[in-house]
Amino acid sequence: MYISSPNYSFSLPHPLVIFSTALWPAAAVEIHTSRGEEALNGTNIRLKCTFSTFSPIGPQLTVTWNFRPEDKGSDESVFFYQGQPYPLLTGRFKDRVTWDGNIHKNDASIVIWNLKPTDNGTFTCQVKNPPDVSGTIGEIRLSVVQSVRFSEIHYLAVAIGSACALMIILVIVVVLCRYYRRKRQEKSTEMVETELPEKEKLKSTEEMAAVSLEAKD
């Protein structure tokens, strides 16, 4: 419907458009990350970032990864994705970041190679899927260490592993003891079986000698 006046004219939105807009859910993308990661200097790490969106995933979806150094410096670009990966051509992460996600599975993860102490800081993952262009930004606090600290899980794993190893050693010892005991028994049996015929032969010889002496007498 158009409304006209001597000076201007404009159109009112169709009622169906207003109704559809009212029913459309709040456009927002939710990001899910691990919050904190620890990795050994010189190794690689996969920074996992998954998302949920109300809108169907299309070619306009973008993934932006940034980095904020531990010294609270300015944010730096890490990676960009829209339809295909766009690795950095300059900066500290040049040739060190690869795409490891799948937007059709709501995965926007990346892999950082050859970690360095200067990579200590906060990585952020942001996904926009028009009209879902707002929402949370995922953060991952990365700590690059020279040696991995043992957590309670590591201690538990070591304890379970040690217990399993001890059980295996005990089983091996028991099996070996039974094996050598059976061997000794078999050897003793063979010796007995060998001695009996010899004793019987000796006894027979003695009896024959006694009979011979009696006959002479």
N, C-alpha and C. Protein backbone atom coordinates (compact mmCIF):
# COMPACT_ATOMS: atom_id res chain seq x y z
N MET A 1 0.85 -1.18 0.00
CA MET A 1 0.00 0.00 0.00
C MET A 1 0.88 1.22 0.00
N TYR A 2 0.59 2.17 -0.83
CA TYR A 2 1.37 3.38 -0.93
C TYR A 2 0.57 4.55 -0.40
N ILE A 3 1.22 5.46 0.30
CA ILE A 3 0.60 6.69 0.78
C ILE A 3 1.31 7.85 0.12
N SER A 4 0.56 8.67 -0.52
CA SER A 4 1.15 9.77 -1.28
C SER A 4 0.77 11.11 -0.68
N SER A 5 1.62 12.05 -0.88
CA SER A 5 1.37 13.43 -0.46
C SER A 5 2.01 14.32 -1.49
N PRO A 6 1.73 15.58 -1.49
CA PRO A 6 2.34 16.49 -2.46
C PRO A 6 3.85 16.49 -2.41
N ASN A 7 4.43 16.20 -1.26
CA ASN A 7 5.88 16.34 -1.13
C ASN A 7 6.63 15.01 -1.15
N TYR A 8 6.01 13.92 -0.74
CA TYR A 8 6.74 12.67 -0.65
C TYR A 8 5.78 11.51 -0.77
N SER A 9 6.33 10.34 -0.94
CA SER A 9 5.55 9.11 -0.96
C SER A 9 6.39 8.00 -0.36
N PHE A 10 5.75 7.05 0.26
CA PHE A 10 6.45 5.91 0.83
C PHE A 10 5.49 4.74 0.89
N SER A 11 6.05 3.55 1.09
CA SER A 11 5.23 2.33 1.15
C SER A 11 5.29 1.74 2.54
N LEU A 12 4.18 1.21 2.99
CA LEU A 12 4.13 0.52 4.28
C LEU A 12 4.46 -0.95 4.07
N PRO A 13 5.15 -1.60 5.00
CA PRO A 13 5.47 -3.02 4.85
C PRO A 13 4.22 -3.87 4.85
N HIS A 14 4.28 -4.94 4.11
CA HIS A 14 3.14 -5.85 4.04
C HIS A 14 2.91 -6.47 5.42
N PRO A 15 1.65 -6.65 5.83
CA PRO A 15 1.37 -7.23 7.15
C PRO A 15 2.03 -8.58 7.36
N LEU A 16 2.15 -9.37 6.27
CA LEU A 16 2.77 -10.69 6.40
C LEU A 16 4.24 -10.56 6.79
N VAL A 17 4.91 -9.53 6.27
CA VAL A 17 6.32 -9.29 6.62
C VAL A 17 6.45 -8.96 8.08
N ILE A 18 5.54 -8.11 8.57
CA ILE A 18 5.58 -7.73 10.00
C ILE A 18 5.36 -8.96 10.87
N PHE A 19 4.39 -9.81 10.47
CA PHE A 19 4.08 -11.02 11.25
C PHE A 19 5.26 -11.98 11.26
N SER A 20 5.92 -12.15 10.10
CA SER A 20 7.07 -13.05 10.02
C SER A 20 8.22 -12.55 10.85
N THR A 21 8.45 -11.26 10.84
CA THR A 21 9.53 -10.66 11.63
C THR A 21 9.32 -10.86 13.11
N ALA A 22 8.05 -10.75 13.52
CA ALA A 22 7.73 -10.91 14.94
C ALA A 22 7.97 -12.34 15.40
N LEU A 23 7.72 -13.30 14.50
CA LEU A 23 7.90 -14.70 14.88
C LEU A 23 9.34 -15.16 14.79
N TRP A 24 10.20 -14.46 14.01
CA TRP A 24 11.59 -14.89 13.83
C TRP A 24 12.37 -14.81 15.13
N PRO A 25 13.07 -15.85 15.55
CA PRO A 25 13.78 -15.84 16.83
C PRO A 25 14.93 -14.83 16.83
N ALA A 26 15.34 -14.49 18.02
CA ALA A 26 16.45 -13.55 18.15
C ALA A 26 17.67 -14.12 17.44
N ALA A 27 18.21 -13.36 16.50
CA ALA A 27 19.35 -13.83 15.71
C ALA A 27 20.62 -13.73 16.53
N ALA A 28 21.15 -14.86 16.92
CA ALA A 28 22.38 -14.87 17.71
C ALA A 28 23.08 -16.20 17.52
N VAL A 29 24.39 -16.15 17.43
CA VAL A 29 25.21 -17.34 17.30
C VAL A 29 25.84 -17.65 18.65
N GLU A 30 25.71 -18.87 19.10
CA GLU A 30 26.32 -19.29 20.37
C GLU A 30 27.61 -20.04 20.07
N ILE A 31 28.67 -19.67 20.78
CA ILE A 31 29.99 -20.26 20.58
C ILE A 31 30.35 -21.12 21.79
N HIS A 32 30.96 -22.25 21.53
CA HIS A 32 31.38 -23.16 22.61
C HIS A 32 32.86 -23.49 22.44
N THR A 33 33.66 -23.20 23.48
CA THR A 33 35.10 -23.49 23.47
C THR A 33 35.51 -24.15 24.79
N SER A 34 36.76 -24.57 24.86
CA SER A 34 37.27 -25.26 26.05
C SER A 34 37.70 -24.31 27.16
N ARG A 35 37.72 -23.00 26.88
CA ARG A 35 38.10 -21.97 27.86
C ARG A 35 39.58 -21.94 28.17
N GLY A 36 40.20 -23.07 28.41
CA GLY A 36 41.62 -23.08 28.75
C GLY A 36 42.33 -24.30 28.19
N GLU A 37 43.56 -24.10 27.70
CA GLU A 37 44.37 -25.19 27.16
C GLU A 37 45.82 -24.99 27.59
N GLU A 38 46.53 -26.13 27.76
CA GLU A 38 47.96 -26.10 28.07
C GLU A 38 48.66 -27.02 27.10
N ALA A 39 49.76 -26.55 26.52
CA ALA A 39 50.49 -27.34 25.53
C ALA A 39 51.98 -27.14 25.70
N LEU A 40 52.73 -28.14 25.23
CA LEU A 40 54.19 -28.12 25.36
C LEU A 40 54.82 -27.30 24.25
N ASN A 41 55.83 -26.56 24.59
CA ASN A 41 56.56 -25.74 23.62
C ASN A 41 57.07 -26.60 22.46
N GLY A 42 56.83 -26.15 21.23
CA GLY A 42 57.29 -26.87 20.06
C GLY A 42 56.30 -27.88 19.51
N THR A 43 55.19 -28.13 20.21
CA THR A 43 54.19 -29.08 19.73
C THR A 43 53.07 -28.34 19.00
N ASN A 44 52.04 -29.08 18.60
CA ASN A 44 50.89 -28.51 17.91
C ASN A 44 49.66 -28.65 18.79
N ILE A 45 48.66 -27.83 18.53
CA ILE A 45 47.44 -27.92 19.31
C ILE A 45 46.23 -27.59 18.44
N ARG A 46 45.15 -28.30 18.69
CA ARG A 46 43.88 -28.03 18.01
C ARG A 46 43.00 -27.20 18.94
N LEU A 47 42.67 -26.00 18.50
CA LEU A 47 41.79 -25.14 19.26
C LEU A 47 40.36 -25.40 18.79
N LYS A 48 39.59 -26.05 19.65
CA LYS A 48 38.25 -26.47 19.28
C LYS A 48 37.24 -25.34 19.50
N CYS A 49 36.43 -25.09 18.47
CA CYS A 49 35.38 -24.07 18.54
C CYS A 49 34.17 -24.60 17.79
N THR A 50 33.06 -24.80 18.51
CA THR A 50 31.82 -25.22 17.88
C THR A 50 30.77 -24.13 18.08
N PHE A 51 29.74 -24.15 17.25
CA PHE A 51 28.74 -23.08 17.31
C PHE A 51 27.35 -23.61 17.01
N SER A 52 26.36 -22.84 17.40
CA SER A 52 24.97 -23.13 17.06
C SER A 52 24.35 -21.85 16.51
N THR A 53 23.50 -21.99 15.49
CA THR A 53 22.90 -20.84 14.82
C THR A 53 21.46 -21.17 14.43
N PHE A 54 20.60 -20.14 14.45
CA PHE A 54 19.20 -20.32 14.07
C PHE A 54 19.05 -20.39 12.55
N SER A 55 19.88 -19.68 11.84
CA SER A 55 19.76 -19.60 10.38
C SER A 55 20.42 -20.78 9.70
N PRO A 56 19.92 -21.19 8.55
CA PRO A 56 20.60 -22.24 7.77
C PRO A 56 22.00 -21.79 7.39
N ILE A 57 22.93 -22.71 7.45
CA ILE A 57 24.32 -22.38 7.12
C ILE A 57 24.45 -22.17 5.62
N GLY A 58 24.99 -21.01 5.25
CA GLY A 58 25.14 -20.67 3.85
C GLY A 58 26.50 -20.11 3.53
N PRO A 59 26.68 -19.64 2.30
CA PRO A 59 28.00 -19.14 1.87
C PRO A 59 28.42 -17.84 2.56
N GLN A 60 27.48 -17.17 3.22
CA GLN A 60 27.81 -15.92 3.89
C GLN A 60 28.39 -16.13 5.29
N LEU A 61 28.39 -17.37 5.75
CA LEU A 61 28.93 -17.64 7.10
C LEU A 61 30.42 -17.33 7.13
N THR A 62 30.86 -16.66 8.19
CA THR A 62 32.27 -16.31 8.35
C THR A 62 32.77 -16.77 9.72
N VAL A 63 34.03 -17.15 9.75
CA VAL A 63 34.69 -17.52 10.99
C VAL A 63 35.93 -16.65 11.13
N THR A 64 36.06 -15.99 12.27
CA THR A 64 37.20 -15.11 12.50
C THR A 64 37.90 -15.51 13.79
N TRP A 65 39.18 -15.80 13.68
CA TRP A 65 40.00 -16.10 14.85
C TRP A 65 40.97 -14.94 15.09
N ASN A 66 41.04 -14.48 16.33
CA ASN A 66 41.97 -13.42 16.72
C ASN A 66 42.77 -13.86 17.94
N PHE A 67 43.81 -13.11 18.23
CA PHE A 67 44.71 -13.44 19.34
C PHE A 67 45.04 -12.18 20.12
N ARG A 68 44.93 -12.29 21.46
CA ARG A 68 45.30 -11.20 22.35
C ARG A 68 46.46 -11.68 23.21
N PRO A 69 47.67 -11.09 23.05
CA PRO A 69 48.85 -11.55 23.80
C PRO A 69 48.65 -11.46 25.31
N GLU A 70 49.47 -12.21 26.01
CA GLU A 70 49.38 -12.24 27.47
C GLU A 70 49.68 -10.89 28.09
N ASP A 71 50.49 -10.08 27.42
CA ASP A 71 50.82 -8.77 27.95
C ASP A 71 49.74 -7.74 27.68
N LYS A 72 48.54 -8.21 27.27
CA LYS A 72 47.39 -7.34 27.03
C LYS A 72 47.62 -6.37 25.89
N GLY A 73 48.42 -6.78 24.91
CA GLY A 73 48.62 -5.95 23.74
C GLY A 73 47.38 -5.94 22.85
N SER A 74 47.49 -5.31 21.71
CA SER A 74 46.36 -5.23 20.80
C SER A 74 46.08 -6.57 20.16
N ASP A 75 44.82 -6.79 19.75
CA ASP A 75 44.43 -8.05 19.12
C ASP A 75 45.10 -8.21 17.77
N GLU A 76 45.43 -9.44 17.44
CA GLU A 76 46.07 -9.76 16.16
C GLU A 76 45.22 -10.78 15.42
N SER A 77 45.20 -10.69 14.10
CA SER A 77 44.46 -11.66 13.30
C SER A 77 45.19 -13.00 13.30
N VAL A 78 44.42 -14.07 13.31
CA VAL A 78 44.98 -15.42 13.29
C VAL A 78 44.51 -16.18 12.06
N PHE A 79 43.21 -16.10 11.77
CA PHE A 79 42.66 -16.91 10.68
C PHE A 79 41.29 -16.37 10.29
N PHE A 80 40.93 -16.58 9.02
CA PHE A 80 39.61 -16.17 8.52
C PHE A 80 39.08 -17.23 7.57
N TYR A 81 37.77 -17.48 7.68
CA TYR A 81 37.13 -18.47 6.81
C TYR A 81 35.81 -17.91 6.28
N GLN A 82 35.61 -18.03 4.99
CA GLN A 82 34.32 -17.74 4.36
C GLN A 82 34.25 -18.53 3.05
N GLY A 83 33.58 -19.66 3.12
CA GLY A 83 33.51 -20.52 1.96
C GLY A 83 34.76 -21.35 1.77
N GLN A 84 35.89 -20.82 2.17
CA GLN A 84 37.17 -21.52 2.12
C GLN A 84 38.12 -20.87 3.12
N PRO A 85 39.19 -21.57 3.52
CA PRO A 85 40.13 -20.98 4.48
C PRO A 85 40.95 -19.87 3.85
N TYR A 86 41.24 -18.86 4.66
CA TYR A 86 42.12 -17.76 4.23
C TYR A 86 43.22 -17.59 5.27
N PRO A 87 44.30 -18.37 5.16
CA PRO A 87 45.41 -18.24 6.12
C PRO A 87 46.07 -16.87 5.99
N LEU A 88 46.76 -16.47 7.06
CA LEU A 88 47.46 -15.18 7.06
C LEU A 88 48.68 -15.22 6.14
N LEU A 89 48.94 -14.09 5.53
CA LEU A 89 50.12 -13.95 4.69
C LEU A 89 51.26 -13.24 5.42
N THR A 90 50.92 -12.63 6.56
CA THR A 90 51.93 -11.95 7.38
C THR A 90 51.62 -12.20 8.86
N GLY A 91 52.53 -11.77 9.71
CA GLY A 91 52.29 -11.87 11.15
C GLY A 91 52.90 -13.12 11.77
N ARG A 92 52.77 -13.21 13.09
CA ARG A 92 53.40 -14.30 13.84
C ARG A 92 52.80 -15.67 13.51
N PHE A 93 51.56 -15.70 13.00
CA PHE A 93 50.91 -16.97 12.73
C PHE A 93 50.95 -17.35 11.25
N LYS A 94 51.76 -16.65 10.47
CA LYS A 94 51.89 -16.99 9.05
C LYS A 94 52.45 -18.42 8.90
N ASP A 95 51.79 -19.22 8.08
CA ASP A 95 52.19 -20.60 7.80
C ASP A 95 52.16 -21.50 9.04
N ARG A 96 51.47 -21.08 10.08
CA ARG A 96 51.42 -21.88 11.30
C ARG A 96 50.00 -22.26 11.70
N VAL A 97 49.01 -21.86 10.91
CA VAL A 97 47.62 -22.14 11.26
C VAL A 97 46.92 -22.81 10.07
N THR A 98 46.21 -23.89 10.35
CA THR A 98 45.46 -24.58 9.32
C THR A 98 44.02 -24.80 9.79
N TRP A 99 43.12 -24.84 8.83
CA TRP A 99 41.70 -25.04 9.10
C TRP A 99 41.46 -26.51 9.43
N ASP A 100 40.74 -26.78 10.52
CA ASP A 100 40.44 -28.15 10.92
C ASP A 100 38.97 -28.30 11.30
N GLY A 101 38.15 -27.43 10.74
CA GLY A 101 36.73 -27.44 11.07
C GLY A 101 35.87 -27.95 9.93
N ASN A 102 34.58 -27.95 10.18
CA ASN A 102 33.58 -28.33 9.18
C ASN A 102 32.31 -27.56 9.52
N ILE A 103 32.03 -26.50 8.76
CA ILE A 103 30.90 -25.64 9.11
C ILE A 103 29.57 -26.38 9.04
N HIS A 104 29.48 -27.40 8.20
CA HIS A 104 28.24 -28.16 8.10
C HIS A 104 28.02 -29.05 9.31
N LYS A 105 29.06 -29.23 10.12
CA LYS A 105 28.94 -29.93 11.39
C LYS A 105 29.10 -28.97 12.56
N ASN A 106 28.93 -27.67 12.26
CA ASN A 106 29.02 -26.61 13.28
C ASN A 106 30.37 -26.61 14.00
N ASP A 107 31.40 -26.84 13.24
CA ASP A 107 32.76 -26.90 13.80
C ASP A 107 33.62 -25.84 13.12
N ALA A 108 34.23 -24.98 13.91
CA ALA A 108 35.08 -23.90 13.37
C ALA A 108 36.48 -23.97 13.98
N SER A 109 36.98 -25.17 14.17
CA SER A 109 38.27 -25.37 14.85
C SER A 109 39.45 -25.12 13.92
N ILE A 110 40.59 -24.80 14.53
CA ILE A 110 41.84 -24.62 13.79
C ILE A 110 42.96 -25.35 14.51
N VAL A 111 44.08 -25.55 13.82
CA VAL A 111 45.28 -26.15 14.41
C VAL A 111 46.42 -25.16 14.32
N ILE A 112 47.10 -24.96 15.43
CA ILE A 112 48.28 -24.09 15.46
C ILE A 112 49.51 -24.98 15.59
N TRP A 113 50.47 -24.77 14.70
CA TRP A 113 51.66 -25.62 14.63
C TRP A 113 52.86 -24.94 15.30
N ASN A 114 53.74 -25.79 15.82
CA ASN A 114 55.02 -25.32 16.37
C ASN A 114 54.81 -24.18 17.38
N LEU A 115 54.17 -24.52 18.47
CA LEU A 115 53.87 -23.52 19.49
C LEU A 115 55.14 -22.91 20.08
N LYS A 116 55.01 -21.63 20.43
CA LYS A 116 56.12 -20.88 21.01
C LYS A 116 55.64 -20.19 22.29
N PRO A 117 56.59 -19.83 23.18
CA PRO A 117 56.19 -19.11 24.39
C PRO A 117 55.46 -17.81 24.10
N THR A 118 55.74 -17.19 22.94
CA THR A 118 55.06 -15.94 22.60
C THR A 118 53.60 -16.16 22.22
N ASP A 119 53.18 -17.44 22.13
CA ASP A 119 51.78 -17.73 21.83
C ASP A 119 50.91 -17.76 23.08
N ASN A 120 51.53 -17.49 24.22
CA ASN A 120 50.73 -17.38 25.45
C ASN A 120 49.76 -16.22 25.32
N GLY A 121 48.50 -16.49 25.58
CA GLY A 121 47.51 -15.44 25.49
C GLY A 121 46.12 -16.02 25.28
N THR A 122 45.22 -15.19 24.79
CA THR A 122 43.82 -15.58 24.61
C THR A 122 43.45 -15.57 23.13
N PHE A 123 42.95 -16.70 22.65
CA PHE A 123 42.46 -16.82 21.29
C PHE A 123 40.94 -16.69 21.30
N THR A 124 40.41 -15.93 20.36
CA THR A 124 38.97 -15.75 20.29
C THR A 124 38.43 -16.29 18.97
N CYS A 125 37.26 -16.90 19.05
CA CYS A 125 36.59 -17.47 17.89
C CYS A 125 35.23 -16.80 17.74
N GLN A 126 34.98 -16.22 16.58
CA GLN A 126 33.71 -15.54 16.32
C GLN A 126 33.11 -16.07 15.02
N VAL A 127 31.83 -16.40 15.06
CA VAL A 127 31.12 -16.92 13.89
C VAL A 127 29.93 -16.02 13.61
N LYS A 128 29.78 -15.64 12.35
CA LYS A 128 28.63 -14.86 11.90
C LYS A 128 27.96 -15.59 10.75
N ASN A 129 26.65 -15.74 10.87
CA ASN A 129 25.88 -16.44 9.85
C ASN A 129 24.62 -15.63 9.56
N PRO A 130 24.74 -14.58 8.71
CA PRO A 130 23.61 -13.69 8.45
C PRO A 130 22.32 -14.45 8.19
N PRO A 131 21.20 -14.02 8.86
CA PRO A 131 21.10 -12.80 9.69
C PRO A 131 21.59 -12.95 11.13
N ASP A 132 22.12 -14.11 11.50
CA ASP A 132 22.69 -14.26 12.84
C ASP A 132 24.10 -13.65 12.85
N VAL A 133 24.19 -12.41 13.23
CA VAL A 133 25.48 -11.73 13.18
C VAL A 133 25.96 -11.29 14.56
N SER A 134 25.16 -11.55 15.58
CA SER A 134 25.57 -11.19 16.93
C SER A 134 25.63 -12.45 17.77
N GLY A 135 26.01 -12.29 19.00
CA GLY A 135 26.10 -13.44 19.90
C GLY A 135 27.39 -13.45 20.67
N THR A 136 27.69 -14.58 21.27
CA THR A 136 28.88 -14.70 22.10
C THR A 136 30.14 -14.87 21.25
N ILE A 137 31.27 -14.59 21.87
CA ILE A 137 32.58 -14.81 21.25
C ILE A 137 33.32 -15.81 22.13
N GLY A 138 33.74 -16.90 21.53
CA GLY A 138 34.44 -17.93 22.30
C GLY A 138 35.86 -17.52 22.61
N GLU A 139 36.31 -17.83 23.82
CA GLU A 139 37.67 -17.51 24.24
C GLU A 139 38.39 -18.76 24.72
N ILE A 140 39.66 -18.89 24.35
CA ILE A 140 40.50 -19.99 24.80
C ILE A 140 41.80 -19.41 25.32
N ARG A 141 42.05 -19.63 26.61
CA ARG A 141 43.29 -19.14 27.23
C ARG A 141 44.35 -20.21 27.04
N LEU A 142 45.38 -19.90 26.25
CA LEU A 142 46.43 -20.88 25.94
C LEU A 142 47.68 -20.60 26.76
N SER A 143 48.21 -21.66 27.38
CA SER A 143 49.47 -21.57 28.12
C SER A 143 50.47 -22.52 27.47
N VAL A 144 51.57 -21.95 26.96
CA VAL A 144 52.63 -22.74 26.36
C VAL A 144 53.72 -22.94 27.40
N VAL A 145 54.00 -24.18 27.78
CA VAL A 145 54.93 -24.47 28.87
C VAL A 145 56.11 -25.29 28.35
N GLN A 146 57.19 -25.29 29.11
CA GLN A 146 58.38 -26.05 28.74
C GLN A 146 58.23 -27.52 29.09
N SER A 147 57.46 -27.81 30.11
CA SER A 147 57.19 -29.20 30.49
C SER A 147 55.75 -29.26 31.00
N VAL A 148 55.07 -30.32 30.67
CA VAL A 148 53.67 -30.47 31.04
C VAL A 148 53.57 -30.81 32.52
N ARG A 149 52.75 -30.04 33.24
CA ARG A 149 52.52 -30.32 34.65
C ARG A 149 51.55 -31.48 34.79
N PHE A 150 51.82 -32.34 35.79
CA PHE A 150 50.95 -33.48 36.02
C PHE A 150 49.71 -33.04 36.78
N SER A 151 48.57 -33.36 36.24
CA SER A 151 47.31 -33.06 36.90
C SER A 151 46.86 -34.28 37.70
N GLU A 152 45.73 -34.16 38.38
CA GLU A 152 45.20 -35.29 39.14
C GLU A 152 44.88 -36.46 38.22
N ILE A 153 44.42 -36.15 37.02
CA ILE A 153 44.11 -37.22 36.06
C ILE A 153 45.38 -37.97 35.67
N HIS A 154 46.48 -37.20 35.48
CA HIS A 154 47.74 -37.86 35.14
C HIS A 154 48.20 -38.77 36.28
N TYR A 155 48.10 -38.26 37.50
CA TYR A 155 48.51 -39.08 38.65
C TYR A 155 47.65 -40.33 38.75
N LEU A 156 46.35 -40.18 38.50
CA LEU A 156 45.45 -41.33 38.55
C LEU A 156 45.81 -42.34 37.46
N ALA A 157 46.12 -41.82 36.26
CA ALA A 157 46.50 -42.70 35.16
C ALA A 157 47.79 -43.45 35.50
N VAL A 158 48.77 -42.74 36.10
CA VAL A 158 50.02 -43.38 36.48
C VAL A 158 49.77 -44.45 37.54
N ALA A 159 48.90 -44.15 38.51
CA ALA A 159 48.60 -45.12 39.57
C ALA A 159 47.94 -46.37 38.99
N ILE A 160 46.96 -46.15 38.10
CA ILE A 160 46.28 -47.30 37.49
C ILE A 160 47.25 -48.11 36.63
N GLY A 161 48.08 -47.41 35.87
CA GLY A 161 49.07 -48.10 35.04
C GLY A 161 50.05 -48.90 35.87
N SER A 162 50.50 -48.31 37.00
CA SER A 162 51.43 -49.03 37.88
C SER A 162 50.78 -50.27 38.48
N ALA A 163 49.52 -50.12 38.89
CA ALA A 163 48.81 -51.26 39.46
C ALA A 163 48.65 -52.38 38.43
N CYS A 164 48.31 -52.00 37.20
CA CYS A 164 48.17 -53.00 36.13
C CYS A 164 49.49 -53.70 35.86
N ALA A 165 50.58 -52.91 35.82
CA ALA A 165 51.91 -53.49 35.58
C ALA A 165 52.28 -54.45 36.70
N LEU A 166 51.97 -54.09 37.95
CA LEU A 166 52.27 -54.96 39.09
C LEU A 166 51.49 -56.26 39.00
N MET A 167 50.22 -56.17 38.61
CA MET A 167 49.40 -57.37 38.47
C MET A 167 49.96 -58.28 37.39
N ILE A 168 50.39 -57.68 36.28
CA ILE A 168 50.96 -58.48 35.19
C ILE A 168 52.23 -59.19 35.65
N ILE A 169 53.09 -58.47 36.40
CA ILE A 169 54.33 -59.06 36.92
C ILE A 169 54.01 -60.22 37.86
N LEU A 170 53.01 -60.03 38.74
CA LEU A 170 52.64 -61.11 39.68
C LEU A 170 52.13 -62.34 38.93
N VAL A 171 51.32 -62.10 37.90
CA VAL A 171 50.80 -63.22 37.11
C VAL A 171 51.95 -63.98 36.44
N ILE A 172 52.91 -63.23 35.88
CA ILE A 172 54.06 -63.85 35.23
C ILE A 172 54.87 -64.67 36.23
N VAL A 173 55.08 -64.11 37.45
CA VAL A 173 55.84 -64.83 38.48
C VAL A 173 55.14 -66.12 38.87
N VAL A 174 53.81 -66.04 39.06
CA VAL A 174 53.04 -67.25 39.44
C VAL A 174 53.13 -68.30 38.35
N VAL A 175 52.97 -67.88 37.10
CA VAL A 175 53.03 -68.82 35.98
C VAL A 175 54.40 -69.48 35.91
N LEU A 176 55.46 -68.69 36.05
CA LEU A 176 56.82 -69.25 36.00
C LEU A 176 57.07 -70.22 37.15
N CYS A 177 56.60 -69.88 38.35
CA CYS A 177 56.79 -70.77 39.51
C CYS A 177 56.10 -72.10 39.28
N ARG A 178 54.87 -72.05 38.76
CA ARG A 178 54.15 -73.30 38.49
C ARG A 178 54.85 -74.10 37.39
N TYR A 179 55.38 -73.41 36.40
CA TYR A 179 56.07 -74.09 35.31
C TYR A 179 57.30 -74.84 35.82
N TYR A 180 58.15 -74.12 36.61
CA TYR A 180 59.37 -74.76 37.11
C TYR A 180 59.04 -75.85 38.14
N ARG A 181 57.96 -75.69 38.91
CA ARG A 181 57.57 -76.72 39.86
C ARG A 181 57.14 -77.99 39.12
N ARG A 182 56.38 -77.79 38.03
CA ARG A 182 55.96 -78.95 37.26
C ARG A 182 57.15 -79.65 36.62
N LYS A 183 58.14 -78.83 36.15
CA LYS A 183 59.35 -79.42 35.56
C LYS A 183 60.10 -80.26 36.59
N ARG A 184 60.21 -79.74 37.83
CA ARG A 184 60.91 -80.47 38.89
C ARG A 184 60.20 -81.78 39.21
N GLN A 185 58.85 -81.69 39.23
CA GLN A 185 58.08 -82.90 39.52
C GLN A 185 58.27 -83.94 38.41
N GLU A 186 58.25 -83.48 37.17
CA GLU A 186 58.45 -84.40 36.05
C GLU A 186 59.84 -85.03 36.11
N LYS A 187 60.85 -84.22 36.47
CA LYS A 187 62.21 -84.74 36.56
C LYS A 187 62.34 -85.76 37.68
N SER A 188 61.68 -85.46 38.81
CA SER A 188 61.72 -86.40 39.94
C SER A 188 61.05 -87.71 39.57
N THR A 189 59.94 -87.60 38.85
CA THR A 189 59.23 -88.81 38.42
C THR A 189 60.10 -89.66 37.49
N GLU A 190 60.78 -88.99 36.56
CA GLU A 190 61.67 -89.70 35.64
C GLU A 190 62.80 -90.40 36.39
N MET A 191 63.35 -89.70 37.41
CA MET A 191 64.44 -90.30 38.19
C MET A 191 63.95 -91.53 38.94
N VAL A 192 62.75 -91.43 39.50
CA VAL A 192 62.19 -92.57 40.25
C VAL A 192 61.95 -93.75 39.32
N GLU A 193 61.39 -93.44 38.13
CA GLU A 193 61.11 -94.51 37.18
C GLU A 193 62.40 -95.16 36.68
N THR A 194 63.49 -94.38 36.64
CA THR A 194 64.78 -94.92 36.20
C THR A 194 65.44 -95.75 37.29
N GLU A 195 65.31 -95.33 38.56
CA GLU A 195 65.94 -96.01 39.67
C GLU A 195 65.28 -97.35 39.98
N LEU A 196 63.96 -97.43 39.81
CA LEU A 196 63.25 -98.66 40.17
C LEU A 196 63.74 -99.87 39.38
N PRO A 197 63.83 -99.79 38.05
CA PRO A 197 64.36 -100.97 37.32
C PRO A 197 65.75 -101.35 37.75
N GLU A 198 66.60 -100.36 38.03
CA GLU A 198 67.97 -100.66 38.46
C GLU A 198 67.98 -101.37 39.80
N LYS A 199 67.13 -100.94 40.71
CA LYS A 199 67.07 -101.57 42.03
C LYS A 199 66.55 -103.00 41.90
N GLU A 200 65.52 -103.15 41.07
CA GLU A 200 64.98 -104.50 40.89
C GLU A 200 66.03 -105.44 40.27
N LYS A 201 66.79 -104.90 39.31
CA LYS A 201 67.84 -105.69 38.66
C LYS A 201 68.91 -106.08 39.67
N LEU A 202 69.30 -105.09 40.51
CA LEU A 202 70.31 -105.36 41.54
C LEU A 202 69.82 -106.40 42.54
N LYS A 203 68.53 -106.27 42.91
CA LYS A 203 67.96 -107.22 43.87
C LYS A 203 67.92 -108.63 43.27
N SER A 204 67.56 -108.67 42.00
CA SER A 204 67.50 -109.98 41.33
C SER A 204 68.89 -110.61 41.27
N THR A 205 69.89 -109.77 40.98
CA THR A 205 71.27 -110.28 40.92
C THR A 205 71.71 -110.80 42.27
N GLU A 206 71.37 -110.09 43.34
CA GLU A 206 71.73 -110.51 44.69
C GLU A 206 71.04 -111.83 45.05
N GLU A 207 69.77 -111.97 44.66
CA GLU A 207 69.05 -113.20 44.97
C GLU A 207 69.67 -114.40 44.24
N MET A 208 70.03 -114.14 42.97
CA MET A 208 70.65 -115.22 42.20
C MET A 208 71.99 -115.63 42.80
N ALA A 209 72.74 -114.62 43.28
CA ALA A 209 74.03 -114.92 43.89
C ALA A 209 73.83 -115.72 45.18
N ALA A 210 72.81 -115.36 45.94
CA ALA A 210 72.54 -116.08 47.19
C ALA A 210 72.14 -117.52 46.90
N VAL A 211 71.32 -117.73 45.90
CA VAL A 211 70.89 -119.08 45.53
C VAL A 211 72.09 -119.91 45.09
N SER A 212 72.99 -119.27 44.35
CA SER A 212 74.19 -119.98 43.86
C SER A 212 75.07 -120.40 45.01
N LEU A 213 75.20 -119.54 46.00
CA LEU A 213 76.03 -119.88 47.16
C LEU A 213 75.41 -121.03 47.93
N GLU A 214 74.09 -121.00 48.11
CA GLU A 214 73.42 -122.05 48.83
C GLU A 214 73.60 -123.40 48.10
N ALA A 215 73.56 -123.32 46.77
CA ALA A 215 73.71 -124.57 46.01
C ALA A 215 75.12 -125.15 46.16
N LYS A 216 76.11 -124.31 46.26
CA LYS A 216 77.47 -124.76 46.45
C LYS A 216 77.66 -125.39 47.80
N ASP A 217 76.98 -124.82 48.77
CA ASP A 217 77.10 -125.35 50.12
C ASP A 217 76.44 -126.72 50.19
